[in-house]
């Protein structure tokens, strides 16, 4: 499912216009991004938790030349599914 299909599904399920569902989806995504930028976490009970994890600096290899390169530390977004979502999938 892509973003357009998700907007259509939200519009039908919530009985609202596609424009309103697009604004609502964009607002949710923006809120999650803003919270993660501040190193916070977003928990949606029954769905899951979005959080930020720190990845340490490490040494990697250039696949073309085999040369060792340094990969700097980074913050990466992480999602942990909730029990209800796991149960729905299985």
PDB file of N, CA and C in Angstrom:
ATOM      1  N   UNK A   1       0.854  -1.173   0.000  1.00  0.00           N
ATOM      2  CA  UNK A   1       0.000   0.000   0.000  1.00  0.00           C
ATOM      3  C   UNK A   1       0.899   1.234   0.000  1.00  0.00           C
ATOM      4  N   UNK A   2       0.629   2.152  -0.909  1.00  0.00           N
ATOM      5  CA  UNK A   2       1.386   3.396  -0.933  1.00  0.00           C
ATOM      6  C   UNK A   2       0.594   4.514  -0.254  1.00  0.00           C
ATOM      7  N   UNK A   3       1.155   5.720  -0.236  1.00  0.00           N
ATOM      8  CA  UNK A   3       0.532   6.826   0.492  1.00  0.00           C
ATOM      9  C   UNK A   3      -0.855   7.164  -0.069  1.00  0.00           C
ATOM     10  N   UNK A   4      -0.993   7.175  -1.380  1.00  0.00           N
ATOM     11  CA  UNK A   4      -2.284   7.495  -1.998  1.00  0.00           C
ATOM     12  C   UNK A   4      -3.345   6.476  -1.613  1.00  0.00           C
ATOM     13  N   UNK A   5      -2.982   5.207  -1.642  1.00  0.00           N
ATOM     14  CA  UNK A   5      -3.930   4.158  -1.251  1.00  0.00           C
ATOM     15  C   UNK A   5      -4.286   4.273   0.223  1.00  0.00           C
ATOM     16  N   UNK A   6      -3.319   4.639   1.063  1.00  0.00           N
ATOM     17  CA  UNK A   6      -3.582   4.815   2.489  1.00  0.00           C
ATOM     18  C   UNK A   6      -4.530   5.986   2.721  1.00  0.00           C
ATOM     19  N   UNK A   7      -4.334   7.077   1.999  1.00  0.00           N
ATOM     20  CA  UNK A   7      -5.234   8.236   2.112  1.00  0.00           C
ATOM     21  C   UNK A   7      -6.651   7.848   1.705  1.00  0.00           C
ATOM     22  N   UNK A   8      -6.796   7.093   0.615  1.00  0.00           N
ATOM     23  CA  UNK A   8      -8.117   6.628   0.169  1.00  0.00           C
ATOM     24  C   UNK A   8      -8.775   5.754   1.232  1.00  0.00           C
ATOM     25  N   UNK A   9      -7.991   4.858   1.814  1.00  0.00           N
ATOM     26  CA  UNK A   9      -8.524   3.953   2.851  1.00  0.00           C
ATOM     27  C   UNK A   9      -8.971   4.744   4.085  1.00  0.00           C
ATOM     28  N   UNK A  10      -8.172   5.709   4.510  1.00  0.00           N
ATOM     29  CA  UNK A  10      -8.538   6.537   5.671  1.00  0.00           C
ATOM     30  C   UNK A  10      -9.803   7.317   5.371  1.00  0.00           C
ATOM     31  N   UNK A  11      -9.899   7.884   4.173  1.00  0.00           N
ATOM     32  CA  UNK A  11     -11.075   8.673   3.798  1.00  0.00           C
ATOM     33  C   UNK A  11     -12.345   7.824   3.841  1.00  0.00           C
ATOM     34  N   UNK A  12     -12.263   6.591   3.328  1.00  0.00           N
ATOM     35  CA  UNK A  12     -13.437   5.710   3.336  1.00  0.00           C
ATOM     36  C   UNK A  12     -13.783   5.251   4.752  1.00  0.00           C
ATOM     37  N   UNK A  13     -12.771   4.869   5.526  1.00  0.00           N
ATOM     38  CA  UNK A  13     -13.008   4.351   6.877  1.00  0.00           C
ATOM     39  C   UNK A  13     -13.548   5.407   7.822  1.00  0.00           C
ATOM     40  N   UNK A  14     -13.030   6.633   7.714  1.00  0.00           N
ATOM     41  CA  UNK A  14     -13.433   7.705   8.631  1.00  0.00           C
ATOM     42  C   UNK A  14     -14.569   8.548   8.063  1.00  0.00           C
ATOM     43  N   UNK A  15     -15.009   8.246   6.842  1.00  0.00           N
ATOM     44  CA  UNK A  15     -16.076   8.986   6.167  1.00  0.00           C
ATOM     45  C   UNK A  15     -15.746  10.482   6.110  1.00  0.00           C
ATOM     46  N   UNK A  16     -14.534  10.779   5.639  1.00  0.00           N
ATOM     47  CA  UNK A  16     -14.104  12.169   5.451  1.00  0.00           C
ATOM     48  C   UNK A  16     -13.560  12.301   4.028  1.00  0.00           C
ATOM     49  N   UNK A  17     -13.330  13.537   3.607  1.00  0.00           N
ATOM     50  CA  UNK A  17     -12.814  13.757   2.253  1.00  0.00           C
ATOM     51  C   UNK A  17     -11.375  13.293   2.141  1.00  0.00           C
ATOM     52  N   UNK A  18     -10.948  13.067   0.899  1.00  0.00           N
ATOM     53  CA  UNK A  18      -9.564  12.659   0.664  1.00  0.00           C
ATOM     54  C   UNK A  18      -8.612  13.770   1.083  1.00  0.00           C
ATOM     55  N   UNK A  19      -9.004  15.018   0.870  1.00  0.00           N
ATOM     56  CA  UNK A  19      -8.149  16.149   1.248  1.00  0.00           C
ATOM     57  C   UNK A  19      -7.963  16.186   2.762  1.00  0.00           C
ATOM     58  N   UNK A  20      -9.034  15.951   3.498  1.00  0.00           N
ATOM     59  CA  UNK A  20      -8.946  15.956   4.966  1.00  0.00           C
ATOM     60  C   UNK A  20      -8.106  14.787   5.463  1.00  0.00           C
ATOM     61  N   UNK A  21      -8.261  13.624   4.841  1.00  0.00           N
ATOM     62  CA  UNK A  21      -7.479  12.472   5.276  1.00  0.00           C
ATOM     63  C   UNK A  21      -6.001  12.667   4.929  1.00  0.00           C
ATOM     64  N   UNK A  22      -5.710  13.327   3.813  1.00  0.00           N
ATOM     65  CA  UNK A  22      -4.321  13.618   3.446  1.00  0.00           C
ATOM     66  C   UNK A  22      -3.698  14.569   4.461  1.00  0.00           C
ATOM     67  N   UNK A  23      -4.442  15.598   4.863  1.00  0.00           N
ATOM     68  CA  UNK A  23      -3.941  16.546   5.878  1.00  0.00           C
ATOM     69  C   UNK A  23      -3.721  15.842   7.205  1.00  0.00           C
ATOM     70  N   UNK A  24      -4.632  14.952   7.585  1.00  0.00           N
ATOM     71  CA  UNK A  24      -4.505  14.222   8.847  1.00  0.00           C
ATOM     72  C   UNK A  24      -3.277  13.312   8.820  1.00  0.00           C
ATOM     73  N   UNK A  25      -3.078  12.593   7.725  1.00  0.00           N
ATOM     74  CA  UNK A  25      -1.919  11.708   7.605  1.00  0.00           C
ATOM     75  C   UNK A  25      -0.624  12.510   7.635  1.00  0.00           C
ATOM     76  N   UNK A  26      -0.593  13.625   6.903  1.00  0.00           N
ATOM     77  CA  UNK A  26       0.604  14.476   6.903  1.00  0.00           C
ATOM     78  C   UNK A  26       0.889  15.025   8.295  1.00  0.00           C
ATOM     79  N   UNK A  27      -0.159  15.364   9.043  1.00  0.00           N
ATOM     80  CA  UNK A  27       0.017  15.882  10.406  1.00  0.00           C
ATOM     81  C   UNK A  27       0.585  14.806  11.327  1.00  0.00           C
ATOM     82  N   UNK A  28       0.126  13.576  11.188  1.00  0.00           N
ATOM     83  CA  UNK A  28       0.630  12.477  12.019  1.00  0.00           C
ATOM     84  C   UNK A  28       2.101  12.219  11.705  1.00  0.00           C
ATOM     85  N   UNK A  29       2.429  12.160  10.421  1.00  0.00           N
ATOM     86  CA  UNK A  29       3.820  11.910  10.020  1.00  0.00           C
ATOM     87  C   UNK A  29       4.719  13.044  10.507  1.00  0.00           C
ATOM     88  N   UNK A  30       4.262  14.281  10.377  1.00  0.00           N
ATOM     89  CA  UNK A  30       5.052  15.426  10.834  1.00  0.00           C
ATOM     90  C   UNK A  30       5.263  15.388  12.345  1.00  0.00           C
ATOM     91  N   UNK A  31       4.234  15.001  13.089  1.00  0.00           N
ATOM     92  CA  UNK A  31       4.349  14.920  14.543  1.00  0.00           C
ATOM     93  C   UNK A  31       5.354  13.843  14.949  1.00  0.00           C
ATOM     94  N   UNK A  32       5.329  12.705  14.270  1.00  0.00           N
ATOM     95  CA  UNK A  32       6.289  11.630  14.568  1.00  0.00           C
ATOM     96  C   UNK A  32       7.699  12.101  14.254  1.00  0.00           C
ATOM     97  N   UNK A  33       7.903  12.741  13.090  1.00  0.00           N
ATOM     98  CA  UNK A  33       9.232  13.244  12.717  1.00  0.00           C
ATOM     99  C   UNK A  33       9.754  14.247  13.733  1.00  0.00           C
ATOM    100  N   UNK A  34       8.901  15.188  14.115  1.00  0.00           N
ATOM    101  CA  UNK A  34       9.317  16.225  15.072  1.00  0.00           C
ATOM    102  C   UNK A  34       9.714  15.616  16.401  1.00  0.00           C
ATOM    103  N   UNK A  35       8.948  14.672  16.878  1.00  0.00           N
ATOM    104  CA  UNK A  35       9.253  14.024  18.154  1.00  0.00           C
ATOM    105  C   UNK A  35      10.547  13.228  18.069  1.00  0.00           C
ATOM    106  N   UNK A  36      10.759  12.509  16.968  1.00  0.00           N
ATOM    107  CA  UNK A  36      11.977  11.719  16.815  1.00  0.00           C
ATOM    108  C   UNK A  36      13.209  12.615  16.675  1.00  0.00           C
ATOM    109  N   UNK A  37      13.055  13.788  16.042  1.00  0.00           N
ATOM    110  CA  UNK A  37      14.177  14.725  15.942  1.00  0.00           C
ATOM    111  C   UNK A  37      14.647  15.168  17.313  1.00  0.00           C
ATOM    112  N   UNK A  38      13.711  15.258  18.256  1.00  0.00           N
ATOM    113  CA  UNK A  38      14.040  15.660  19.629  1.00  0.00           C
ATOM    114  C   UNK A  38      14.446  14.457  20.472  1.00  0.00           C
ATOM    115  N   UNK A  39      14.720  13.339  19.824  1.00  0.00           N
ATOM    116  CA  UNK A  39      15.112  12.080  20.474  1.00  0.00           C
ATOM    117  C   UNK A  39      14.038  11.533  21.406  1.00  0.00           C
ATOM    118  N   UNK A  40      12.796  11.844  21.121  1.00  0.00           N
ATOM    119  CA  UNK A  40      11.682  11.308  21.900  1.00  0.00           C
ATOM    120  C   UNK A  40      11.174  10.024  21.279  1.00  0.00           C
ATOM    121  N   UNK A  41      10.051   9.544  21.775  1.00  0.00           N
ATOM    122  CA  UNK A  41       9.429   8.358  21.197  1.00  0.00           C
ATOM    123  C   UNK A  41       7.927   8.576  21.102  1.00  0.00           C
ATOM    124  N   UNK A  42       7.309   7.908  20.155  1.00  0.00           N
ATOM    125  CA  UNK A  42       5.867   8.005  19.948  1.00  0.00           C
ATOM    126  C   UNK A  42       5.288   6.609  20.116  1.00  0.00           C
ATOM    127  N   UNK A  43       4.380   6.451  21.080  1.00  0.00           N
ATOM    128  CA  UNK A  43       3.755   5.155  21.333  1.00  0.00           C
ATOM    129  C   UNK A  43       2.282   5.215  20.957  1.00  0.00           C
ATOM    130  N   UNK A  44       1.882   4.330  20.064  1.00  0.00           N
ATOM    131  CA  UNK A  44       0.481   4.182  19.695  1.00  0.00           C
ATOM    132  C   UNK A  44       0.046   2.834  20.253  1.00  0.00           C
ATOM    133  N   UNK A  45      -0.711   2.868  21.333  1.00  0.00           N
ATOM    134  CA  UNK A  45      -1.100   1.643  22.028  1.00  0.00           C
ATOM    135  C   UNK A  45      -1.813   0.705  21.060  1.00  0.00           C
ATOM    136  N   UNK A  46      -1.356  -0.540  21.034  1.00  0.00           N
ATOM    137  CA  UNK A  46      -1.929  -1.546  20.149  1.00  0.00           C
ATOM    138  C   UNK A  46      -1.288  -1.571  18.776  1.00  0.00           C
ATOM    139  N   UNK A  47      -0.533  -0.527  18.423  1.00  0.00           N
ATOM    140  CA  UNK A  47       0.128  -0.488  17.119  1.00  0.00           C
ATOM    141  C   UNK A  47       1.627  -0.664  17.269  1.00  0.00           C
ATOM    142  N   UNK A  48       2.266   0.226  18.036  1.00  0.00           N
ATOM    143  CA  UNK A  48       3.706   0.094  18.234  1.00  0.00           C
ATOM    144  C   UNK A  48       4.342   1.383  18.701  1.00  0.00           C
ATOM    145  N   UNK A  49       5.668   1.368  18.777  1.00  0.00           N
ATOM    146  CA  UNK A  49       6.424   2.512  19.273  1.00  0.00           C
ATOM    147  C   UNK A  49       7.505   2.898  18.272  1.00  0.00           C
ATOM    148  N   UNK A  50       7.532   4.181  17.919  1.00  0.00           N
ATOM    149  CA  UNK A  50       8.591   4.748  17.105  1.00  0.00           C
ATOM    150  C   UNK A  50       9.593   5.369  18.056  1.00  0.00           C
ATOM    151  N   UNK A  51      10.878   5.088  17.865  1.00  0.00           N
ATOM    152  CA  UNK A  51      11.905   5.653  18.734  1.00  0.00           C
ATOM    153  C   UNK A  51      13.177   5.905  17.937  1.00  0.00           C
ATOM    154  N   UNK A  52      14.166   6.508  18.599  1.00  0.00           N
ATOM    155  CA  UNK A  52      15.454   6.791  17.971  1.00  0.00           C
ATOM    156  C   UNK A  52      16.513   5.953  18.665  1.00  0.00           C
ATOM    157  N   UNK A  53      17.366   5.329  17.871  1.00  0.00           N
ATOM    158  CA  UNK A  53      18.449   4.521  18.403  1.00  0.00           C
ATOM    159  C   UNK A  53      19.764   5.112  17.915  1.00  0.00           C
ATOM    160  N   UNK A  54      20.796   5.013  18.744  1.00  0.00           N
ATOM    161  CA  UNK A  54      22.104   5.526  18.346  1.00  0.00           C
ATOM    162  C   UNK A  54      22.936   4.375  17.806  1.00  0.00           C
ATOM    163  N   UNK A  55      23.551   4.603  16.647  1.00  0.00           N
ATOM    164  CA  UNK A  55      24.430   3.615  16.042  1.00  0.00           C
ATOM    165  C   UNK A  55      25.858   4.121  16.192  1.00  0.00           C
ATOM    166  N   UNK A  56      26.727   3.323  16.749  1.00  0.00           N
ATOM    167  CA  UNK A  56      28.114   3.726  16.998  1.00  0.00           C
ATOM    168  C   UNK A  56      28.896   3.830  15.694  1.00  0.00           C
ATOM    169  N   UNK A  57      29.969   4.612  15.743  1.00  0.00           N
ATOM    170  CA  UNK A  57      30.867   4.695  14.598  1.00  0.00           C
ATOM    171  C   UNK A  57      31.525   3.334  14.399  1.00  0.00           C
ATOM    172  N   UNK A  58      31.817   3.025  13.147  1.00  0.00           N
ATOM    173  CA  UNK A  58      32.406   1.716  12.871  1.00  0.00           C
ATOM    174  C   UNK A  58      33.223   1.770  11.591  1.00  0.00           C
ATOM    175  N   UNK A  59      33.954   0.716  11.342  1.00  0.00           N
ATOM    176  CA  UNK A  59      34.743   0.613  10.123  1.00  0.00           C
ATOM    177  C   UNK A  59      34.021  -0.298   9.149  1.00  0.00           C
ATOM    178  N   UNK A  60      33.886   0.170   7.915  1.00  0.00           N
ATOM    179  CA  UNK A  60      33.242  -0.620   6.882  1.00  0.00           C
ATOM    180  C   UNK A  60      34.194  -0.840   5.725  1.00  0.00           C
ATOM    181  N   UNK A  61      33.701  -1.444   4.665  1.00  0.00           N
ATOM    182  CA  UNK A  61      34.524  -1.700   3.477  1.00  0.00           C
ATOM    183  C   UNK A  61      33.810  -1.166   2.242  1.00  0.00           C
ATOM    184  N   UNK A  62      34.566  -0.530   1.378  1.00  0.00           N
ATOM    185  CA  UNK A  62      34.048  -0.112   0.085  1.00  0.00           C
ATOM    186  C   UNK A  62      33.907  -1.385  -0.750  1.00  0.00           C
ATOM    187  N   UNK A  63      32.696  -1.757  -1.160  1.00  0.00           N
ATOM    188  CA  UNK A  63      32.519  -3.020  -1.879  1.00  0.00           C
ATOM    189  C   UNK A  63      33.238  -3.059  -3.232  1.00  0.00           C
ATOM    190  N   UNK A  64      33.465  -1.918  -3.830  1.00  0.00           N
ATOM    191  CA  UNK A  64      34.112  -1.890  -5.137  1.00  0.00           C
ATOM    192  C   UNK A  64      35.618  -2.109  -5.026  1.00  0.00           C
ATOM    193  N   UNK A  65      36.253  -1.431  -4.032  1.00  0.00           N
ATOM    194  CA  UNK A  65      37.715  -1.496  -3.931  1.00  0.00           C
ATOM    195  C   UNK A  65      38.208  -2.365  -2.787  1.00  0.00           C
ATOM    196  N   UNK A  66      37.346  -2.665  -1.819  1.00  0.00           N
ATOM    197  CA  UNK A  66      37.763  -3.430  -0.653  1.00  0.00           C
ATOM    198  C   UNK A  66      38.485  -2.576   0.377  1.00  0.00           C
ATOM    199  N   UNK A  67      38.590  -1.286   0.105  1.00  0.00           N
ATOM    200  CA  UNK A  67      39.277  -0.361   0.999  1.00  0.00           C
ATOM    201  C   UNK A  67      38.467  -0.131   2.272  1.00  0.00           C
ATOM    202  N   UNK A  68      39.138  -0.069   3.424  1.00  0.00           N
ATOM    203  CA  UNK A  68      38.473   0.192   4.697  1.00  0.00           C
ATOM    204  C   UNK A  68      38.078   1.666   4.756  1.00  0.00           C
ATOM    205  N   UNK A  69      36.844   1.922   5.198  1.00  0.00           N
ATOM    206  CA  UNK A  69      36.373   3.304   5.347  1.00  0.00           C
ATOM    207  C   UNK A  69      35.762   3.465   6.728  1.00  0.00           C
ATOM    208  N   UNK A  70      35.762   4.697   7.218  1.00  0.00           N
ATOM    209  CA  UNK A  70      35.160   4.983   8.515  1.00  0.00           C
ATOM    210  C   UNK A  70      33.719   5.419   8.295  1.00  0.00           C
ATOM    211  N   UNK A  71      32.823   4.815   9.045  1.00  0.00           N
ATOM    212  CA  UNK A  71      31.411   5.186   9.005  1.00  0.00           C
ATOM    213  C   UNK A  71      31.120   5.878  10.325  1.00  0.00           C
ATOM    214  N   UNK A  72      30.661   7.124  10.247  1.00  0.00           N
ATOM    215  CA  UNK A  72      30.472   7.881  11.484  1.00  0.00           C
ATOM    216  C   UNK A  72      29.209   7.447  12.232  1.00  0.00           C
ATOM    217  N   UNK A  73      29.156   7.810  13.493  1.00  0.00           N
ATOM    218  CA  UNK A  73      28.000   7.484  14.334  1.00  0.00           C
ATOM    219  C   UNK A  73      26.756   8.177  13.781  1.00  0.00           C
ATOM    220  N   UNK A  74      25.601   7.578  14.014  1.00  0.00           N
ATOM    221  CA  UNK A  74      24.353   8.140  13.502  1.00  0.00           C
ATOM    222  C   UNK A  74      23.192   7.785  14.421  1.00  0.00           C
ATOM    223  N   UNK A  75      22.149   8.600  14.325  1.00  0.00           N
ATOM    224  CA  UNK A  75      20.888   8.279  14.982  1.00  0.00           C
ATOM    225  C   UNK A  75      19.994   7.671  13.912  1.00  0.00           C
ATOM    226  N   UNK A  76      19.338   6.564  14.243  1.00  0.00           N
ATOM    227  CA  UNK A  76      18.472   5.899  13.278  1.00  0.00           C
ATOM    228  C   UNK A  76      17.080   5.682  13.878  1.00  0.00           C
ATOM    229  N   UNK A  77      16.029   5.887  13.064  1.00  0.00           N
ATOM    230  CA  UNK A  77      14.679   5.631  13.559  1.00  0.00           C
ATOM    231  C   UNK A  77      14.451   4.130  13.694  1.00  0.00           C
ATOM    232  N   UNK A  78      13.627   3.775  14.679  1.00  0.00           N
ATOM    233  CA  UNK A  78      13.358   2.370  14.967  1.00  0.00           C
ATOM    234  C   UNK A  78      11.861   2.220  15.246  1.00  0.00           C
ATOM    235  N   UNK A  79      11.287   1.085  14.869  1.00  0.00           N
ATOM    236  CA  UNK A  79       9.878   0.809  15.153  1.00  0.00           C
ATOM    237  C   UNK A  79       9.781  -0.539  15.826  1.00  0.00           C
ATOM    238  N   UNK A  80       9.071  -0.576  16.942  1.00  0.00           N
ATOM    239  CA  UNK A  80       8.823  -1.832  17.641  1.00  0.00           C
ATOM    240  C   UNK A  80       7.320  -2.067  17.630  1.00  0.00           C
ATOM    241  N   UNK A  81       6.854  -3.115  16.948  1.00  0.00           N
ATOM    242  CA  UNK A  81       5.416  -3.361  16.875  1.00  0.00           C
ATOM    243  C   UNK A  81       4.832  -3.753  18.232  1.00  0.00           C
ATOM    244  N   UNK A  82       3.581  -3.342  18.449  1.00  0.00           N
ATOM    245  CA  UNK A  82       2.874  -3.691  19.677  1.00  0.00           C
ATOM    246  C   UNK A  82       2.264  -5.080  19.583  1.00  0.00           C
ATOM    247  N   UNK A  83       1.771  -5.569  20.703  1.00  0.00           N
ATOM    248  CA  UNK A  83       1.214  -6.923  20.769  1.00  0.00           C
ATOM    249  C   UNK A  83       0.010  -7.083  19.839  1.00  0.00           C
ATOM    250  N   UNK A  84      -0.877  -6.100  19.808  1.00  0.00           N
ATOM    251  CA  UNK A  84      -2.067  -6.208  18.968  1.00  0.00           C
ATOM    252  C   UNK A  84      -1.704  -6.291  17.493  1.00  0.00           C
ATOM    253  N   UNK A  85      -0.690  -5.537  17.069  1.00  0.00           N
ATOM    254  CA  UNK A  85      -0.252  -5.587  15.679  1.00  0.00           C
ATOM    255  C   UNK A  85       0.383  -6.938  15.360  1.00  0.00           C
ATOM    256  N   UNK A  86       1.192  -7.443  16.273  1.00  0.00           N
ATOM    257  CA  UNK A  86       1.809  -8.764  16.077  1.00  0.00           C
ATOM    258  C   UNK A  86       0.731  -9.839  15.959  1.00  0.00           C
ATOM    259  N   UNK A  87      -0.258  -9.769  16.843  1.00  0.00           N
ATOM    260  CA  UNK A  87      -1.347 -10.757  16.825  1.00  0.00           C
ATOM    261  C   UNK A  87      -2.161 -10.671  15.533  1.00  0.00           C
ATOM    262  N   UNK A  88      -2.392  -9.444  15.038  1.00  0.00           N
ATOM    263  CA  UNK A  88      -3.164  -9.267  13.805  1.00  0.00           C
ATOM    264  C   UNK A  88      -2.439  -9.847  12.601  1.00  0.00           C
ATOM    265  N   UNK A  89      -1.113  -9.726  12.585  1.00  0.00           N
ATOM    266  CA  UNK A  89      -0.327 -10.237  11.462  1.00  0.00           C
ATOM    267  C   UNK A  89      -0.243 -11.756  11.499  1.00  0.00           C
ATOM    268  N   UNK A  90      -0.113 -12.305  12.708  1.00  0.00           N
ATOM    269  CA  UNK A  90       0.009 -13.771  12.847  1.00  0.00           C
ATOM    270  C   UNK A  90      -1.333 -14.358  12.985  1.00  0.00           C
TER     271      UNK A  90
END
